[in-house]
Amino acid sequence: MAYFIDEGTIEEIKDRADIVSVISDYVDLKKVGANHKGLCPFHGEKTPSFTVSSSKGIYKCFGCGEGGNVINFVMKIENLSFPEACKKLGDTFGIKIESKGSYDEKEKKVYLREPE
């Protein structure tokens, strides 16, 4: 069973975790206009097709099609679950992660508990 993280906390992570800073730890990015470009870490390539938009908070590889937000990137690159990626980003950017309950993968149900 995985932890259930409320939407407000998820949005705070997306807002405060600078996607360019996070991805720069894994990919050598160069500023090109309003975006940043680099070689995709998810497939082999010689010409950069991996683009990161700081203003939109997203990344997209136009070679393999991989894309998403800062949480998706950490999940994919570190092979983490969604809650684990949120915790890692929360620890890095000083965001307290409080679980509101749990999510049962098998039953696809969220179980919320009463606030303490």
PDB file of N, CA and C in Angstrom:
ATOM      1  N   MET A   1       0.840  -1.188   0.000  1.00  0.00           N
ATOM      2  CA  MET A   1       0.000   0.000   0.000  1.00  0.00           C
ATOM      3  C   MET A   1       0.886   1.253   0.000  1.00  0.00           C
ATOM      4  N   ALA A   2       0.574   2.198  -0.837  1.00  0.00           N
ATOM      5  CA  ALA A   2       1.349   3.435  -0.944  1.00  0.00           C
ATOM      6  C   ALA A   2       0.638   4.561  -0.203  1.00  0.00           C
ATOM      7  N   TYR A   3       1.391   5.587   0.150  1.00  0.00           N
ATOM      8  CA  TYR A   3       0.808   6.734   0.823  1.00  0.00           C
ATOM      9  C   TYR A   3       0.013   7.595  -0.149  1.00  0.00           C
ATOM     10  N   PHE A   4      -1.047   8.204   0.354  1.00  0.00           N
ATOM     11  CA  PHE A   4      -1.857   9.142  -0.421  1.00  0.00           C
ATOM     12  C   PHE A   4      -1.410  10.551  -0.052  1.00  0.00           C
ATOM     13  N   ILE A   5      -0.965  11.325  -1.036  1.00  0.00           N
ATOM     14  CA  ILE A   5      -0.495  12.692  -0.813  1.00  0.00           C
ATOM     15  C   ILE A   5      -1.537  13.643  -1.383  1.00  0.00           C
ATOM     16  N   ASP A   6      -1.948  14.630  -0.592  1.00  0.00           N
ATOM     17  CA  ASP A   6      -3.017  15.517  -1.038  1.00  0.00           C
ATOM     18  C   ASP A   6      -2.575  16.402  -2.210  1.00  0.00           C
ATOM     19  N   GLU A   7      -3.537  16.836  -3.008  1.00  0.00           N
ATOM     20  CA  GLU A   7      -3.298  17.635  -4.219  1.00  0.00           C
ATOM     21  C   GLU A   7      -2.550  18.935  -3.926  1.00  0.00           C
ATOM     22  N   GLY A   8      -2.859  19.574  -2.804  1.00  0.00           N
ATOM     23  CA  GLY A   8      -2.188  20.817  -2.446  1.00  0.00           C
ATOM     24  C   GLY A   8      -0.684  20.634  -2.307  1.00  0.00           C
ATOM     25  N   THR A   9      -0.276  19.549  -1.693  1.00  0.00           N
ATOM     26  CA  THR A   9       1.144  19.260  -1.524  1.00  0.00           C
ATOM     27  C   THR A   9       1.786  18.952  -2.871  1.00  0.00           C
ATOM     28  N   ILE A  10       1.095  18.218  -3.709  1.00  0.00           N
ATOM     29  CA  ILE A  10       1.610  17.889  -5.042  1.00  0.00           C
ATOM     30  C   ILE A  10       1.814  19.162  -5.860  1.00  0.00           C
ATOM     31  N   GLU A  11       0.861  20.065  -5.804  1.00  0.00           N
ATOM     32  CA  GLU A  11       0.978  21.335  -6.533  1.00  0.00           C
ATOM     33  C   GLU A  11       2.127  22.179  -5.982  1.00  0.00           C
ATOM     34  N   GLU A  12       2.309  22.159  -4.661  1.00  0.00           N
ATOM     35  CA  GLU A  12       3.408  22.903  -4.051  1.00  0.00           C
ATOM     36  C   GLU A  12       4.755  22.361  -4.534  1.00  0.00           C
ATOM     37  N   ILE A  13       4.862  21.044  -4.643  1.00  0.00           N
ATOM     38  CA  ILE A  13       6.092  20.434  -5.143  1.00  0.00           C
ATOM     39  C   ILE A  13       6.354  20.902  -6.571  1.00  0.00           C
ATOM     40  N   LYS A  14       5.333  20.841  -7.417  1.00  0.00           N
ATOM     41  CA  LYS A  14       5.485  21.262  -8.815  1.00  0.00           C
ATOM     42  C   LYS A  14       5.870  22.736  -8.917  1.00  0.00           C
ATOM     43  N   ASP A  15       5.314  23.566  -8.039  1.00  0.00           N
ATOM     44  CA  ASP A  15       5.602  25.007  -8.065  1.00  0.00           C
ATOM     45  C   ASP A  15       7.003  25.335  -7.550  1.00  0.00           C
ATOM     46  N   ARG A  16       7.410  24.669  -6.474  1.00  0.00           N
ATOM     47  CA  ARG A  16       8.667  25.028  -5.812  1.00  0.00           C
ATOM     48  C   ARG A  16       9.886  24.279  -6.328  1.00  0.00           C
ATOM     49  N   ALA A  17       9.683  23.089  -6.880  1.00  0.00           N
ATOM     50  CA  ALA A  17      10.806  22.307  -7.395  1.00  0.00           C
ATOM     51  C   ALA A  17      11.134  22.793  -8.805  1.00  0.00           C
ATOM     52  N   ASP A  18      12.193  23.566  -8.927  1.00  0.00           N
ATOM     53  CA  ASP A  18      12.593  24.116 -10.220  1.00  0.00           C
ATOM     54  C   ASP A  18      13.010  22.984 -11.159  1.00  0.00           C
ATOM     55  N   ILE A  19      12.221  22.785 -12.205  1.00  0.00           N
ATOM     56  CA  ILE A  19      12.442  21.662 -13.118  1.00  0.00           C
ATOM     57  C   ILE A  19      13.799  21.729 -13.802  1.00  0.00           C
ATOM     58  N   VAL A  20      14.260  22.916 -14.156  1.00  0.00           N
ATOM     59  CA  VAL A  20      15.570  23.056 -14.807  1.00  0.00           C
ATOM     60  C   VAL A  20      16.677  22.644 -13.841  1.00  0.00           C
ATOM     61  N   SER A  21      16.578  23.068 -12.604  1.00  0.00           N
ATOM     62  CA  SER A  21      17.569  22.718 -11.587  1.00  0.00           C
ATOM     63  C   SER A  21      17.602  21.211 -11.350  1.00  0.00           C
ATOM     64  N   VAL A  22      16.437  20.596 -11.229  1.00  0.00           N
ATOM     65  CA  VAL A  22      16.350  19.156 -10.973  1.00  0.00           C
ATOM     66  C   VAL A  22      16.934  18.373 -12.151  1.00  0.00           C
ATOM     67  N   ILE A  23      16.490  18.690 -13.359  1.00  0.00           N
ATOM     68  CA  ILE A  23      16.948  17.942 -14.535  1.00  0.00           C
ATOM     69  C   ILE A  23      18.427  18.196 -14.805  1.00  0.00           C
ATOM     70  N   SER A  24      18.927  19.386 -14.474  1.00  0.00           N
ATOM     71  CA  SER A  24      20.351  19.701 -14.668  1.00  0.00           C
ATOM     72  C   SER A  24      21.267  18.796 -13.850  1.00  0.00           C
ATOM     73  N   ASP A  25      20.744  18.180 -12.806  1.00  0.00           N
ATOM     74  CA  ASP A  25      21.536  17.227 -12.027  1.00  0.00           C
ATOM     75  C   ASP A  25      21.807  15.946 -12.819  1.00  0.00           C
ATOM     76  N   TYR A  26      21.032  15.702 -13.869  1.00  0.00           N
ATOM     77  CA  TYR A  26      21.134  14.476 -14.662  1.00  0.00           C
ATOM     78  C   TYR A  26      21.512  14.718 -16.121  1.00  0.00           C
ATOM     79  N   VAL A  27      21.188  15.904 -16.631  1.00  0.00           N
ATOM     80  CA  VAL A  27      21.372  16.218 -18.048  1.00  0.00           C
ATOM     81  C   VAL A  27      22.085  17.561 -18.179  1.00  0.00           C
ATOM     82  N   ASP A  28      23.052  17.627 -19.086  1.00  0.00           N
ATOM     83  CA  ASP A  28      23.726  18.890 -19.376  1.00  0.00           C
ATOM     84  C   ASP A  28      22.797  19.714 -20.262  1.00  0.00           C
ATOM     85  N   LEU A  29      22.168  20.746 -19.696  1.00  0.00           N
ATOM     86  CA  LEU A  29      21.206  21.568 -20.423  1.00  0.00           C
ATOM     87  C   LEU A  29      21.834  22.873 -20.883  1.00  0.00           C
ATOM     88  N   LYS A  30      21.444  23.289 -22.077  1.00  0.00           N
ATOM     89  CA  LYS A  30      21.877  24.577 -22.634  1.00  0.00           C
ATOM     90  C   LYS A  30      20.637  25.422 -22.894  1.00  0.00           C
ATOM     91  N   LYS A  31      20.721  26.704 -22.553  1.00  0.00           N
ATOM     92  CA  LYS A  31      19.599  27.627 -22.784  1.00  0.00           C
ATOM     93  C   LYS A  31      19.488  27.897 -24.282  1.00  0.00           C
ATOM     94  N   VAL A  32      18.298  27.674 -24.824  1.00  0.00           N
ATOM     95  CA  VAL A  32      18.011  27.925 -26.235  1.00  0.00           C
ATOM     96  C   VAL A  32      16.685  28.682 -26.278  1.00  0.00           C
ATOM     97  N   GLY A  33      16.745  29.989 -26.465  1.00  0.00           N
ATOM     98  CA  GLY A  33      15.537  30.807 -26.434  1.00  0.00           C
ATOM     99  C   GLY A  33      14.941  30.794 -25.040  1.00  0.00           C
ATOM    100  N   ALA A  34      13.647  30.514 -24.953  1.00  0.00           N
ATOM    101  CA  ALA A  34      12.966  30.479 -23.657  1.00  0.00           C
ATOM    102  C   ALA A  34      13.140  29.136 -22.949  1.00  0.00           C
ATOM    103  N   ASN A  35      13.622  28.112 -23.661  1.00  0.00           N
ATOM    104  CA  ASN A  35      13.729  26.759 -23.117  1.00  0.00           C
ATOM    105  C   ASN A  35      15.179  26.337 -22.918  1.00  0.00           C
ATOM    106  N   HIS A  36      15.350  25.129 -22.431  1.00  0.00           N
ATOM    107  CA  HIS A  36      16.658  24.504 -22.276  1.00  0.00           C
ATOM    108  C   HIS A  36      16.640  23.200 -23.068  1.00  0.00           C
ATOM    109  N   LYS A  37      17.775  22.852 -23.677  1.00  0.00           N
ATOM    110  CA  LYS A  37      17.871  21.620 -24.467  1.00  0.00           C
ATOM    111  C   LYS A  37      19.069  20.807 -24.032  1.00  0.00           C
ATOM    112  N   GLY A  38      18.946  19.487 -24.229  1.00  0.00           N
ATOM    113  CA  GLY A  38      20.050  18.583 -23.925  1.00  0.00           C
ATOM    114  C   GLY A  38      19.798  17.232 -24.550  1.00  0.00           C
ATOM    115  N   LEU A  39      20.750  16.323 -24.341  1.00  0.00           N
ATOM    116  CA  LEU A  39      20.598  14.958 -24.830  1.00  0.00           C
ATOM    117  C   LEU A  39      19.660  14.202 -23.894  1.00  0.00           C
ATOM    118  N   CYS A  40      18.724  13.482 -24.459  1.00  0.00           N
ATOM    119  CA  CYS A  40      17.728  12.761 -23.668  1.00  0.00           C
ATOM    120  C   CYS A  40      18.388  11.667 -22.827  1.00  0.00           C
ATOM    121  N   PRO A  41      18.073  11.615 -21.527  1.00  0.00           N
ATOM    122  CA  PRO A  41      18.641  10.573 -20.674  1.00  0.00           C
ATOM    123  C   PRO A  41      17.915   9.227 -20.813  1.00  0.00           C
ATOM    124  N   PHE A  42      16.825   9.204 -21.573  1.00  0.00           N
ATOM    125  CA  PHE A  42      16.007   7.997 -21.674  1.00  0.00           C
ATOM    126  C   PHE A  42      16.261   7.185 -22.934  1.00  0.00           C
ATOM    127  N   HIS A  43      17.000   7.746 -23.886  1.00  0.00           N
ATOM    128  CA  HIS A  43      17.401   6.988 -25.073  1.00  0.00           C
ATOM    129  C   HIS A  43      18.690   7.591 -25.623  1.00  0.00           C
ATOM    130  N   GLY A  44      19.415   6.816 -26.399  1.00  0.00           N
ATOM    131  CA  GLY A  44      20.670   7.294 -26.970  1.00  0.00           C
ATOM    132  C   GLY A  44      20.423   8.209 -28.154  1.00  0.00           C
ATOM    133  N   GLU A  45      21.102   9.337 -28.167  1.00  0.00           N
ATOM    134  CA  GLU A  45      20.986  10.257 -29.293  1.00  0.00           C
ATOM    135  C   GLU A  45      22.248  11.099 -29.397  1.00  0.00           C
ATOM    136  N   LYS A  46      22.498  11.625 -30.592  1.00  0.00           N
ATOM    137  CA  LYS A  46      23.673  12.471 -30.823  1.00  0.00           C
ATOM    138  C   LYS A  46      23.292  13.937 -30.942  1.00  0.00           C
ATOM    139  N   THR A  47      22.063  14.201 -31.368  1.00  0.00           N
ATOM    140  CA  THR A  47      21.568  15.569 -31.516  1.00  0.00           C
ATOM    141  C   THR A  47      20.506  15.813 -30.439  1.00  0.00           C
ATOM    142  N   PRO A  48      20.662  16.867 -29.639  1.00  0.00           N
ATOM    143  CA  PRO A  48      19.701  17.122 -28.547  1.00  0.00           C
ATOM    144  C   PRO A  48      18.260  17.289 -29.038  1.00  0.00           C
ATOM    145  N   SER A  49      17.384  16.471 -28.465  1.00  0.00           N
ATOM    146  CA  SER A  49      15.955  16.595 -28.761  1.00  0.00           C
ATOM    147  C   SER A  49      15.141  16.699 -27.468  1.00  0.00           C
ATOM    148  N   PHE A  50      15.841  16.772 -26.344  1.00  0.00           N
ATOM    149  CA  PHE A  50      15.220  16.834 -25.021  1.00  0.00           C
ATOM    150  C   PHE A  50      15.084  18.308 -24.621  1.00  0.00           C
ATOM    151  N   THR A  51      13.849  18.757 -24.452  1.00  0.00           N
ATOM    152  CA  THR A  51      13.569  20.164 -24.171  1.00  0.00           C
ATOM    153  C   THR A  51      12.902  20.314 -22.810  1.00  0.00           C
ATOM    154  N   VAL A  52      13.329  21.330 -22.065  1.00  0.00           N
ATOM    155  CA  VAL A  52      12.755  21.624 -20.745  1.00  0.00           C
ATOM    156  C   VAL A  52      12.234  23.054 -20.769  1.00  0.00           C
ATOM    157  N   SER A  53      10.969  23.224 -20.392  1.00  0.00           N
ATOM    158  CA  SER A  53      10.357  24.542 -20.315  1.00  0.00           C
ATOM    159  C   SER A  53      10.195  24.931 -18.852  1.00  0.00           C
ATOM    160  N   SER A  54      10.986  25.904 -18.424  1.00  0.00           N
ATOM    161  CA  SER A  54      10.906  26.374 -17.049  1.00  0.00           C
ATOM    162  C   SER A  54       9.566  27.054 -16.781  1.00  0.00           C
ATOM    163  N   SER A  55       9.089  27.844 -17.736  1.00  0.00           N
ATOM    164  CA  SER A  55       7.841  28.589 -17.541  1.00  0.00           C
ATOM    165  C   SER A  55       6.620  27.666 -17.456  1.00  0.00           C
ATOM    166  N   LYS A  56       6.652  26.552 -18.169  1.00  0.00           N
ATOM    167  CA  LYS A  56       5.531  25.605 -18.144  1.00  0.00           C
ATOM    168  C   LYS A  56       5.738  24.488 -17.125  1.00  0.00           C
ATOM    169  N   GLY A  57       6.974  24.317 -16.662  1.00  0.00           N
ATOM    170  CA  GLY A  57       7.276  23.273 -15.682  1.00  0.00           C
ATOM    171  C   GLY A  57       7.217  21.873 -16.261  1.00  0.00           C
ATOM    172  N   ILE A  58       7.588  21.736 -17.540  1.00  0.00           N
ATOM    173  CA  ILE A  58       7.514  20.426 -18.194  1.00  0.00           C
ATOM    174  C   ILE A  58       8.791  20.129 -18.977  1.00  0.00           C
ATOM    175  N   TYR A  59       8.955  18.840 -19.305  1.00  0.00           N
ATOM    176  CA  TYR A  59      10.026  18.407 -20.202  1.00  0.00           C
ATOM    177  C   TYR A  59       9.405  17.560 -21.299  1.00  0.00           C
ATOM    178  N   LYS A  60      10.071  17.489 -22.448  1.00  0.00           N
ATOM    179  CA  LYS A  60       9.584  16.687 -23.568  1.00  0.00           C
ATOM    180  C   LYS A  60      10.762  16.293 -24.434  1.00  0.00           C
ATOM    181  N   CYS A  61      10.849  15.019 -24.778  1.00  0.00           N
ATOM    182  CA  CYS A  61      11.842  14.560 -25.733  1.00  0.00           C
ATOM    183  C   CYS A  61      11.119  14.353 -27.058  1.00  0.00           C
ATOM    184  N   PHE A  62      11.579  15.047 -28.074  1.00  0.00           N
ATOM    185  CA  PHE A  62      10.955  14.932 -29.379  1.00  0.00           C
ATOM    186  C   PHE A  62      11.524  13.766 -30.174  1.00  0.00           C
ATOM    187  N   GLY A  63      12.450  13.019 -29.567  1.00  0.00           N
ATOM    188  CA  GLY A  63      12.990  11.825 -30.194  1.00  0.00           C
ATOM    189  C   GLY A  63      12.229  10.575 -29.771  1.00  0.00           C
ATOM    190  N   CYS A  64      12.094  10.379 -28.448  1.00  0.00           N
ATOM    191  CA  CYS A  64      11.425   9.173 -27.942  1.00  0.00           C
ATOM    192  C   CYS A  64      10.008   9.431 -27.439  1.00  0.00           C
ATOM    193  N   GLY A  65       9.645  10.705 -27.280  1.00  0.00           N
ATOM    194  CA  GLY A  65       8.287  11.044 -26.851  1.00  0.00           C
ATOM    195  C   GLY A  65       8.092  11.142 -25.348  1.00  0.00           C
ATOM    196  N   GLU A  66       9.127  10.836 -24.582  1.00  0.00           N
ATOM    197  CA  GLU A  66       9.012  10.922 -23.123  1.00  0.00           C
ATOM    198  C   GLU A  66       8.771  12.369 -22.709  1.00  0.00           C
ATOM    199  N   GLY A  67       7.895  12.583 -21.737  1.00  0.00           N
ATOM    200  CA  GLY A  67       7.625  13.934 -21.282  1.00  0.00           C
ATOM    201  C   GLY A  67       6.827  13.931 -19.993  1.00  0.00           C
ATOM    202  N   GLY A  68       6.749  15.094 -19.363  1.00  0.00           N
ATOM    203  CA  GLY A  68       5.977  15.216 -18.132  1.00  0.00           C
ATOM    204  C   GLY A  68       6.457  16.376 -17.294  1.00  0.00           C
ATOM    205  N   ASN A  69       6.171  16.286 -15.995  1.00  0.00           N
ATOM    206  CA  ASN A  69       6.567  17.348 -15.064  1.00  0.00           C
ATOM    207  C   ASN A  69       7.747  16.884 -14.220  1.00  0.00           C
ATOM    208  N   VAL A  70       8.119  17.692 -13.255  1.00  0.00           N
ATOM    209  CA  VAL A  70       9.297  17.404 -12.438  1.00  0.00           C
ATOM    210  C   VAL A  70       9.139  16.099 -11.651  1.00  0.00           C
ATOM    211  N   ILE A  71       7.938  15.796 -11.186  1.00  0.00           N
ATOM    212  CA  ILE A  71       7.713  14.556 -10.431  1.00  0.00           C
ATOM    213  C   ILE A  71       7.878  13.358 -11.355  1.00  0.00           C
ATOM    214  N   ASN A  72       7.272  13.417 -12.557  1.00  0.00           N
ATOM    215  CA  ASN A  72       7.407  12.328 -13.529  1.00  0.00           C
ATOM    216  C   ASN A  72       8.874  12.070 -13.881  1.00  0.00           C
ATOM    217  N   PHE A  73       9.640  13.154 -14.038  1.00  0.00           N
ATOM    218  CA  PHE A  73      11.049  13.012 -14.391  1.00  0.00           C
ATOM    219  C   PHE A  73      11.802  12.251 -13.299  1.00  0.00           C
ATOM    220  N   VAL A  74      11.622  12.652 -12.052  1.00  0.00           N
ATOM    221  CA  VAL A  74      12.316  11.989 -10.937  1.00  0.00           C
ATOM    222  C   VAL A  74      11.875  10.529 -10.831  1.00  0.00           C
ATOM    223  N   MET A  75      10.595  10.270 -11.037  1.00  0.00           N
ATOM    224  CA  MET A  75      10.101   8.888 -11.018  1.00  0.00           C
ATOM    225  C   MET A  75      10.833   8.047 -12.062  1.00  0.00           C
ATOM    226  N   LYS A  76      10.889   8.558 -13.270  1.00  0.00           N
ATOM    227  CA  LYS A  76      11.471   7.822 -14.396  1.00  0.00           C
ATOM    228  C   LYS A  76      12.984   7.658 -14.241  1.00  0.00           C
ATOM    229  N   ILE A  77      13.696   8.726 -13.949  1.00  0.00           N
ATOM    230  CA  ILE A  77      15.163   8.691 -13.919  1.00  0.00           C
ATOM    231  C   ILE A  77      15.698   7.913 -12.717  1.00  0.00           C
ATOM    232  N   GLU A  78      14.980   7.964 -11.586  1.00  0.00           N
ATOM    233  CA  GLU A  78      15.420   7.296 -10.360  1.00  0.00           C
ATOM    234  C   GLU A  78      14.702   5.955 -10.128  1.00  0.00           C
ATOM    235  N   ASN A  79      13.762   5.623 -11.023  1.00  0.00           N
ATOM    236  CA  ASN A  79      12.949   4.407 -10.891  1.00  0.00           C
ATOM    237  C   ASN A  79      12.241   4.357  -9.525  1.00  0.00           C
ATOM    238  N   LEU A  80      11.533   5.457  -9.209  1.00  0.00           N
ATOM    239  CA  LEU A  80      10.819   5.593  -7.947  1.00  0.00           C
ATOM    240  C   LEU A  80       9.313   5.577  -8.180  1.00  0.00           C
ATOM    241  N   SER A  81       8.568   5.275  -7.133  1.00  0.00           N
ATOM    242  CA  SER A  81       7.112   5.391  -7.185  1.00  0.00           C
ATOM    243  C   SER A  81       6.749   6.872  -7.053  1.00  0.00           C
ATOM    244  N   PHE A  82       5.497   7.199  -7.295  1.00  0.00           N
ATOM    245  CA  PHE A  82       5.043   8.577  -7.180  1.00  0.00           C
ATOM    246  C   PHE A  82       5.285   9.142  -5.772  1.00  0.00           C
ATOM    247  N   PRO A  83       4.872   8.443  -4.705  1.00  0.00           N
ATOM    248  CA  PRO A  83       5.126   8.977  -3.360  1.00  0.00           C
ATOM    249  C   PRO A  83       6.617   9.113  -3.041  1.00  0.00           C
ATOM    250  N   GLU A  84       7.432   8.165  -3.517  1.00  0.00           N
ATOM    251  CA  GLU A  84       8.873   8.244  -3.267  1.00  0.00           C
ATOM    252  C   GLU A  84       9.479   9.459  -3.966  1.00  0.00           C
ATOM    253  N   ALA A  85       9.050   9.732  -5.201  1.00  0.00           N
ATOM    254  CA  ALA A  85       9.550  10.899  -5.936  1.00  0.00           C
ATOM    255  C   ALA A  85       9.115  12.187  -5.246  1.00  0.00           C
ATOM    256  N   CYS A  86       7.873  12.234  -4.764  1.00  0.00           N
ATOM    257  CA  CYS A  86       7.393  13.416  -4.030  1.00  0.00           C
ATOM    258  C   CYS A  86       8.217  13.632  -2.770  1.00  0.00           C
ATOM    259  N   LYS A  87       8.507  12.556  -2.062  1.00  0.00           N
ATOM    260  CA  LYS A  87       9.311  12.662  -0.831  1.00  0.00           C
ATOM    261  C   LYS A  87      10.706  13.169  -1.151  1.00  0.00           C
ATOM    262  N   LYS A  88      11.330  12.622  -2.192  1.00  0.00           N
ATOM    263  CA  LYS A  88      12.680  13.052  -2.582  1.00  0.00           C
ATOM    264  C   LYS A  88      12.693  14.543  -2.916  1.00  0.00           C
ATOM    265  N   LEU A  89      11.733  14.996  -3.710  1.00  0.00           N
ATOM    266  CA  LEU A  89      11.656  16.417  -4.066  1.00  0.00           C
ATOM    267  C   LEU A  89      11.307  17.268  -2.849  1.00  0.00           C
ATOM    268  N   GLY A  90      10.420  16.759  -2.009  1.00  0.00           N
ATOM    269  CA  GLY A  90      10.056  17.478  -0.786  1.00  0.00           C
ATOM    270  C   GLY A  90      11.268  17.689   0.108  1.00  0.00           C
ATOM    271  N   ASP A  91      12.077  16.650   0.262  1.00  0.00           N
ATOM    272  CA  ASP A  91      13.291  16.751   1.076  1.00  0.00           C
ATOM    273  C   ASP A  91      14.267  17.763   0.470  1.00  0.00           C
ATOM    274  N   THR A  92      14.401  17.741  -0.847  1.00  0.00           N
ATOM    275  CA  THR A  92      15.337  18.636  -1.532  1.00  0.00           C
ATOM    276  C   THR A  92      14.910  20.097  -1.428  1.00  0.00           C
ATOM    277  N   PHE A  93      13.601  20.361  -1.558  1.00  0.00           N
ATOM    278  CA  PHE A  93      13.116  21.736  -1.608  1.00  0.00           C
ATOM    279  C   PHE A  93      12.417  22.195  -0.327  1.00  0.00           C
ATOM    280  N   GLY A  94      12.565  21.434   0.753  1.00  0.00           N
ATOM    281  CA  GLY A  94      12.035  21.837   2.049  1.00  0.00           C
ATOM    282  C   GLY A  94      10.521  21.853   2.135  1.00  0.00           C
ATOM    283  N   ILE A  95       9.886  20.863   1.517  1.00  0.00           N
ATOM    284  CA  ILE A  95       8.429  20.757   1.539  1.00  0.00           C
ATOM    285  C   ILE A  95       8.056  19.558   2.403  1.00  0.00           C
ATOM    286  N   LYS A  96       7.270  19.806   3.427  1.00  0.00           N
ATOM    287  CA  LYS A  96       6.861  18.725   4.320  1.00  0.00           C
ATOM    288  C   LYS A  96       5.781  17.884   3.633  1.00  0.00           C
ATOM    289  N   ILE A  97       6.035  16.596   3.545  1.00  0.00           N
ATOM    290  CA  ILE A  97       5.084  15.671   2.919  1.00  0.00           C
ATOM    291  C   ILE A  97       4.301  14.974   4.026  1.00  0.00           C
ATOM    292  N   GLU A  98       3.018  15.228   4.058  1.00  0.00           N
ATOM    293  CA  GLU A  98       2.154  14.569   5.028  1.00  0.00           C
ATOM    294  C   GLU A  98       1.190  13.674   4.278  1.00  0.00           C
ATOM    295  N   SER A  99       1.163  12.417   4.662  1.00  0.00           N
ATOM    296  CA  SER A  99       0.225  11.516   4.010  1.00  0.00           C
ATOM    297  C   SER A  99      -1.133  11.652   4.681  1.00  0.00           C
ATOM    298  N   LYS A 100      -2.165  11.634   3.885  1.00  0.00           N
ATOM    299  CA  LYS A 100      -3.526  11.767   4.389  1.00  0.00           C
ATOM    300  C   LYS A 100      -4.199  10.410   4.527  1.00  0.00           C
ATOM    301  N   GLY A 101      -3.507   9.382   4.131  1.00  0.00           N
ATOM    302  CA  GLY A 101      -4.075   8.047   4.162  1.00  0.00           C
ATOM    303  C   GLY A 101      -3.226   7.140   3.309  1.00  0.00           C
ATOM    304  N   SER A 102      -3.847   6.171   2.677  1.00  0.00           N
ATOM    305  CA  SER A 102      -3.072   5.266   1.834  1.00  0.00           C
ATOM    306  C   SER A 102      -3.851   4.912   0.580  1.00  0.00           C
ATOM    307  N   TYR A 103      -3.109   4.440  -0.404  1.00  0.00           N
ATOM    308  CA  TYR A 103      -3.694   4.027  -1.676  1.00  0.00           C
ATOM    309  C   TYR A 103      -3.400   2.559  -1.863  1.00  0.00           C
ATOM    310  N   ASP A 104      -4.437   1.776  -2.056  1.00  0.00           N
ATOM    311  CA  ASP A 104      -4.277   0.344  -2.255  1.00  0.00           C
ATOM    312  C   ASP A 104      -4.182   0.078  -3.748  1.00  0.00           C
ATOM    313  N   GLU A 105      -2.979  -0.264  -4.222  1.00  0.00           N
ATOM    314  CA  GLU A 105      -2.742  -0.510  -5.653  1.00  0.00           C
ATOM    315  C   GLU A 105      -3.637  -1.635  -6.175  1.00  0.00           C
ATOM    316  N   LYS A 106      -3.774  -2.675  -5.378  1.00  0.00           N
ATOM    317  CA  LYS A 106      -4.533  -3.850  -5.803  1.00  0.00           C
ATOM    318  C   LYS A 106      -6.011  -3.515  -6.003  1.00  0.00           C
ATOM    319  N   GLU A 107      -6.585  -2.799  -5.051  1.00  0.00           N
ATOM    320  CA  GLU A 107      -8.004  -2.470  -5.116  1.00  0.00           C
ATOM    321  C   GLU A 107      -8.280  -1.134  -5.795  1.00  0.00           C
ATOM    322  N   LYS A 108      -7.219  -0.367  -6.087  1.00  0.00           N
ATOM    323  CA  LYS A 108      -7.348   0.950  -6.726  1.00  0.00           C
ATOM    324  C   LYS A 108      -8.274   1.862  -5.919  1.00  0.00           C
ATOM    325  N   LYS A 109      -8.073   1.871  -4.592  1.00  0.00           N
ATOM    326  CA  LYS A 109      -8.889   2.683  -3.700  1.00  0.00           C
ATOM    327  C   LYS A 109      -8.003   3.518  -2.792  1.00  0.00           C
ATOM    328  N   VAL A 110      -8.493   4.703  -2.462  1.00  0.00           N
ATOM    329  CA  VAL A 110      -7.823   5.578  -1.513  1.00  0.00           C
ATOM    330  C   VAL A 110      -8.523   5.426  -0.161  1.00  0.00           C
ATOM    331  N   TYR A 111      -7.750   5.191   0.870  1.00  0.00           N
ATOM    332  CA  TYR A 111      -8.292   5.101   2.216  1.00  0.00           C
ATOM    333  C   TYR A 111      -7.788   6.294   3.009  1.00  0.00           C
ATOM    334  N   LEU A 112      -8.687   7.205   3.344  1.00  0.00           N
ATOM    335  CA  LEU A 112      -8.322   8.387   4.105  1.00  0.00           C
ATOM    336  C   LEU A 112      -8.542   8.128   5.581  1.00  0.00           C
ATOM    337  N   ARG A 113      -7.665   8.689   6.400  1.00  0.00           N
ATOM    338  CA  ARG A 113      -7.849   8.552   7.841  1.00  0.00           C
ATOM    339  C   ARG A 113      -8.188   9.927   8.418  1.00  0.00           C
ATOM    340  N   GLU A 114      -8.756   9.945   9.569  1.00  0.00           N
ATOM    341  CA  GLU A 114      -9.132  11.187  10.237  1.00  0.00           C
ATOM    342  C   GLU A 114      -7.876  11.973  10.619  1.00  0.00           C
ATOM    343  N   PRO A 115      -7.903  13.317  10.503  1.00  0.00           N
ATOM    344  CA  PRO A 115      -6.758  14.127  10.924  1.00  0.00           C
ATOM    345  C   PRO A 115      -6.470  13.919  12.400  1.00  0.00           C
ATOM    346  N   GLU A 116      -5.198  13.913  12.747  1.00  0.00           N
ATOM    347  CA  GLU A 116      -4.813  13.679  14.143  1.00  0.00           C
ATOM    348  C   GLU A 116      -4.681  14.971  14.893  1.00  0.00           C
TER     349      GLU A 116
END
